[in-house]
C-alpha atoms as a PDB file:
ATOM      1  CA  UNK A   1     133.122   3.056 -36.422  1.00  0.00           C
ATOM      2  CA  UNK A   2     134.504  -0.404 -35.810  1.00  0.00           C
ATOM      3  CA  UNK A   3     138.142  -0.826 -34.778  1.00  0.00           C
ATOM      4  CA  UNK A   4     140.145  -3.578 -36.368  1.00  0.00           C
ATOM      5  CA  UNK A   5     143.068  -5.335 -34.837  1.00  0.00           C
ATOM      6  CA  UNK A   6     146.293  -4.993 -36.771  1.00  0.00           C
ATOM      7  CA  UNK A   7     146.454  -7.666 -39.422  1.00  0.00           C
ATOM      8  CA  UNK A   8     149.305 -10.082 -39.426  1.00  0.00           C
ATOM      9  CA  UNK A   9     151.180 -10.327 -42.645  1.00  0.00           C
ATOM     10  CA  UNK A  10     150.431 -13.509 -44.492  1.00  0.00           C
ATOM     11  CA  UNK A  11     152.987 -16.282 -44.323  1.00  0.00           C
ATOM     12  CA  UNK A  12     155.205 -16.420 -47.398  1.00  0.00           C
ATOM     13  CA  UNK A  13     154.359 -19.043 -49.978  1.00  0.00           C
ATOM     14  CA  UNK A  14     156.442 -22.214 -49.785  1.00  0.00           C
ATOM     15  CA  UNK A  15     157.634 -21.792 -53.368  1.00  0.00           C
ATOM     16  CA  UNK A  16     158.997 -18.360 -52.417  1.00  0.00           C
ATOM     17  CA  UNK A  17     160.872 -19.809 -49.439  1.00  0.00           C
ATOM     18  CA  UNK A  18     162.367 -22.474 -51.678  1.00  0.00           C
ATOM     19  CA  UNK A  19     163.386 -19.995 -54.378  1.00  0.00           C
ATOM     20  CA  UNK A  20     165.014 -17.689 -51.810  1.00  0.00           C
ATOM     21  CA  UNK A  21     166.703 -20.628 -50.023  1.00  0.00           C
ATOM     22  CA  UNK A  22     165.133 -19.682 -46.717  1.00  0.00           C
ATOM     23  CA  UNK A  23     165.033 -23.233 -45.374  1.00  0.00           C
ATOM     24  CA  UNK A  24     167.673 -24.141 -42.837  1.00  0.00           C
ATOM     25  CA  UNK A  25     168.928 -27.471 -41.609  1.00  0.00           C
ATOM     26  CA  UNK A  26     169.794 -28.409 -38.054  1.00  0.00           C
ATOM     27  CA  UNK A  27     171.375 -31.667 -36.993  1.00  0.00           C
ATOM     28  CA  UNK A  28     170.677 -33.792 -33.957  1.00  0.00           C
ATOM     29  CA  UNK A  29     173.304 -36.322 -32.891  1.00  0.00           C
ATOM     30  CA  UNK A  30     172.460 -40.018 -32.881  1.00  0.00           C
ATOM     31  CA  UNK A  31     174.259 -41.366 -29.813  1.00  0.00           C
ATOM     32  CA  UNK A  32     175.248 -44.894 -28.818  1.00  0.00           C
ATOM     33  CA  UNK A  33     173.806 -45.138 -25.306  1.00  0.00           C
ATOM     34  CA  UNK A  34     176.283 -47.812 -24.231  1.00  0.00           C
ATOM     35  CA  UNK A  35     179.497 -46.018 -25.152  1.00  0.00           C
ATOM     36  CA  UNK A  36     178.323 -42.447 -25.667  1.00  0.00           C
ATOM     37  CA  UNK A  37     179.834 -42.255 -29.150  1.00  0.00           C
ATOM     38  CA  UNK A  38     178.113 -40.174 -31.801  1.00  0.00           C
ATOM     39  CA  UNK A  39     177.075 -42.576 -34.543  1.00  0.00           C
ATOM     40  CA  UNK A  40     175.731 -39.952 -36.924  1.00  0.00           C
ATOM     41  CA  UNK A  41     173.338 -37.036 -37.188  1.00  0.00           C
ATOM     42  CA  UNK A  42     169.655 -36.740 -37.989  1.00  0.00           C
ATOM     43  CA  UNK A  43     168.905 -33.859 -40.347  1.00  0.00           C
ATOM     44  CA  UNK A  44     165.925 -31.678 -39.448  1.00  0.00           C
ATOM     45  CA  UNK A  45     164.532 -28.813 -41.539  1.00  0.00           C
ATOM     46  CA  UNK A  46     163.280 -25.447 -40.335  1.00  0.00           C
ATOM     47  CA  UNK A  47     161.558 -22.520 -42.016  1.00  0.00           C
ATOM     48  CA  UNK A  48     162.761 -18.935 -41.663  1.00  0.00           C
ATOM     49  CA  UNK A  49     163.659 -18.083 -38.053  1.00  0.00           C
ATOM     50  CA  UNK A  50     161.174 -15.890 -36.238  1.00  0.00           C
ATOM     51  CA  UNK A  51     158.323 -16.552 -38.681  1.00  0.00           C
ATOM     52  CA  UNK A  52     155.119 -18.544 -38.397  1.00  0.00           C
ATOM     53  CA  UNK A  53     156.731 -21.185 -40.651  1.00  0.00           C
ATOM     54  CA  UNK A  54     159.847 -21.797 -38.556  1.00  0.00           C
ATOM     55  CA  UNK A  55     158.440 -24.961 -36.954  1.00  0.00           C
ATOM     56  CA  UNK A  56     158.398 -28.071 -39.175  1.00  0.00           C
ATOM     57  CA  UNK A  57     154.723 -28.813 -38.514  1.00  0.00           C
ATOM     58  CA  UNK A  58     153.672 -25.341 -39.685  1.00  0.00           C
ATOM     59  CA  UNK A  59     156.039 -25.488 -42.653  1.00  0.00           C
ATOM     60  CA  UNK A  60     154.783 -28.847 -43.919  1.00  0.00           C
ATOM     61  CA  UNK A  61     151.146 -27.987 -43.142  1.00  0.00           C
ATOM     62  CA  UNK A  62     151.478 -24.897 -45.320  1.00  0.00           C
ATOM     63  CA  UNK A  63     153.096 -26.965 -48.084  1.00  0.00           C
ATOM     64  CA  UNK A  64     150.201 -29.418 -47.929  1.00  0.00           C
ATOM     65  CA  UNK A  65     147.697 -26.556 -48.165  1.00  0.00           C
ATOM     66  CA  UNK A  66     149.561 -25.159 -51.192  1.00  0.00           C
ATOM     67  CA  UNK A  67     149.935 -28.574 -52.841  1.00  0.00           C
ATOM     68  CA  UNK A  68     153.738 -28.543 -52.884  1.00  0.00           C
ATOM     69  CA  UNK A  69     154.863 -31.092 -50.290  1.00  0.00           C
ATOM     70  CA  UNK A  70     157.085 -32.926 -52.770  1.00  0.00           C
ATOM     71  CA  UNK A  71     158.829 -29.698 -53.739  1.00  0.00           C
ATOM     72  CA  UNK A  72     159.362 -28.881 -50.049  1.00  0.00           C
ATOM     73  CA  UNK A  73     160.768 -32.358 -49.377  1.00  0.00           C
ATOM     74  CA  UNK A  74     163.197 -31.966 -52.278  1.00  0.00           C
ATOM     75  CA  UNK A  75     164.265 -28.487 -51.183  1.00  0.00           C
ATOM     76  CA  UNK A  76     164.701 -29.739 -47.606  1.00  0.00           C
ATOM     77  CA  UNK A  77     166.978 -32.535 -48.824  1.00  0.00           C
ATOM     78  CA  UNK A  78     169.041 -30.021 -50.809  1.00  0.00           C
ATOM     79  CA  UNK A  79     169.285 -27.639 -47.833  1.00  0.00           C
ATOM     80  CA  UNK A  80     170.463 -30.501 -45.618  1.00  0.00           C
ATOM     81  CA  UNK A  81     172.982 -31.611 -48.236  1.00  0.00           C
ATOM     82  CA  UNK A  82     174.438 -28.093 -48.522  1.00  0.00           C
ATOM     83  CA  UNK A  83     174.704 -27.809 -44.732  1.00  0.00           C
ATOM     84  CA  UNK A  84     176.266 -31.254 -44.406  1.00  0.00           C
ATOM     85  CA  UNK A  85     178.880 -30.448 -47.008  1.00  0.00           C
ATOM     86  CA  UNK A  86     179.697 -27.166 -45.282  1.00  0.00           C
ATOM     87  CA  UNK A  87     180.021 -28.953 -41.920  1.00  0.00           C
ATOM     88  CA  UNK A  88     181.809 -31.985 -43.419  1.00  0.00           C
ATOM     89  CA  UNK A  89     179.268 -34.385 -41.881  1.00  0.00           C
ATOM     90  CA  UNK A  90     177.960 -35.880 -45.115  1.00  0.00           C
ATOM     91  CA  UNK A  91     178.765 -39.533 -44.389  1.00  0.00           C
ATOM     92  CA  UNK A  92     177.280 -39.440 -40.909  1.00  0.00           C
ATOM     93  CA  UNK A  93     173.836 -37.976 -41.608  1.00  0.00           C
ATOM     94  CA  UNK A  94     170.393 -39.481 -41.833  1.00  0.00           C
ATOM     95  CA  UNK A  95     167.328 -37.541 -42.917  1.00  0.00           C
ATOM     96  CA  UNK A  96     163.689 -38.400 -42.435  1.00  0.00           C
ATOM     97  CA  UNK A  97     162.152 -38.106 -45.873  1.00  0.00           C
ATOM     98  CA  UNK A  98     159.089 -39.895 -47.042  1.00  0.00           C
ATOM     99  CA  UNK A  99     160.081 -42.842 -49.196  1.00  0.00           C
ATOM    100  CA  UNK A 100     160.428 -41.830 -52.824  1.00  0.00           C
ATOM    101  CA  UNK A 101     159.535 -38.181 -52.225  1.00  0.00           C
ATOM    102  CA  UNK A 102     162.960 -36.579 -52.610  1.00  0.00           C
ATOM    103  CA  UNK A 103     164.212 -38.670 -55.485  1.00  0.00           C
ATOM    104  CA  UNK A 104     165.008 -35.742 -57.793  1.00  0.00           C
ATOM    105  CA  UNK A 105     168.644 -34.662 -57.545  1.00  0.00           C
ATOM    106  CA  UNK A 106     169.529 -31.230 -56.201  1.00  0.00           C
ATOM    107  CA  UNK A 107     170.249 -28.826 -59.003  1.00  0.00           C
ATOM    108  CA  UNK A 108     172.539 -26.902 -56.709  1.00  0.00           C
ATOM    109  CA  UNK A 109     173.948 -29.790 -54.677  1.00  0.00           C
ATOM    110  CA  UNK A 110     177.398 -28.262 -54.396  1.00  0.00           C
END
């Protein structure tokens, strides 16, 4: 009889993460080195905390494998927008999206 190691549960599909709004945004300050003033914030997206898709590289690699990078980019933009509105940082944020990828408006932008 051959023993098997416990199997890891498969990572959730990107479309499921998007539908359940399991993406989260974090913001990194953009600082003026001369005066130390915060000029704005760079928006960064994360997958569900504590999962194999928490890190952006893993998240976007999975989206590429599933053929839904555009959908992930759009959902990331919406997640950042929601977080910015909640934190009242909307005018000071910059996000790194591929040009033209997140052009569709958020259906739930509020």
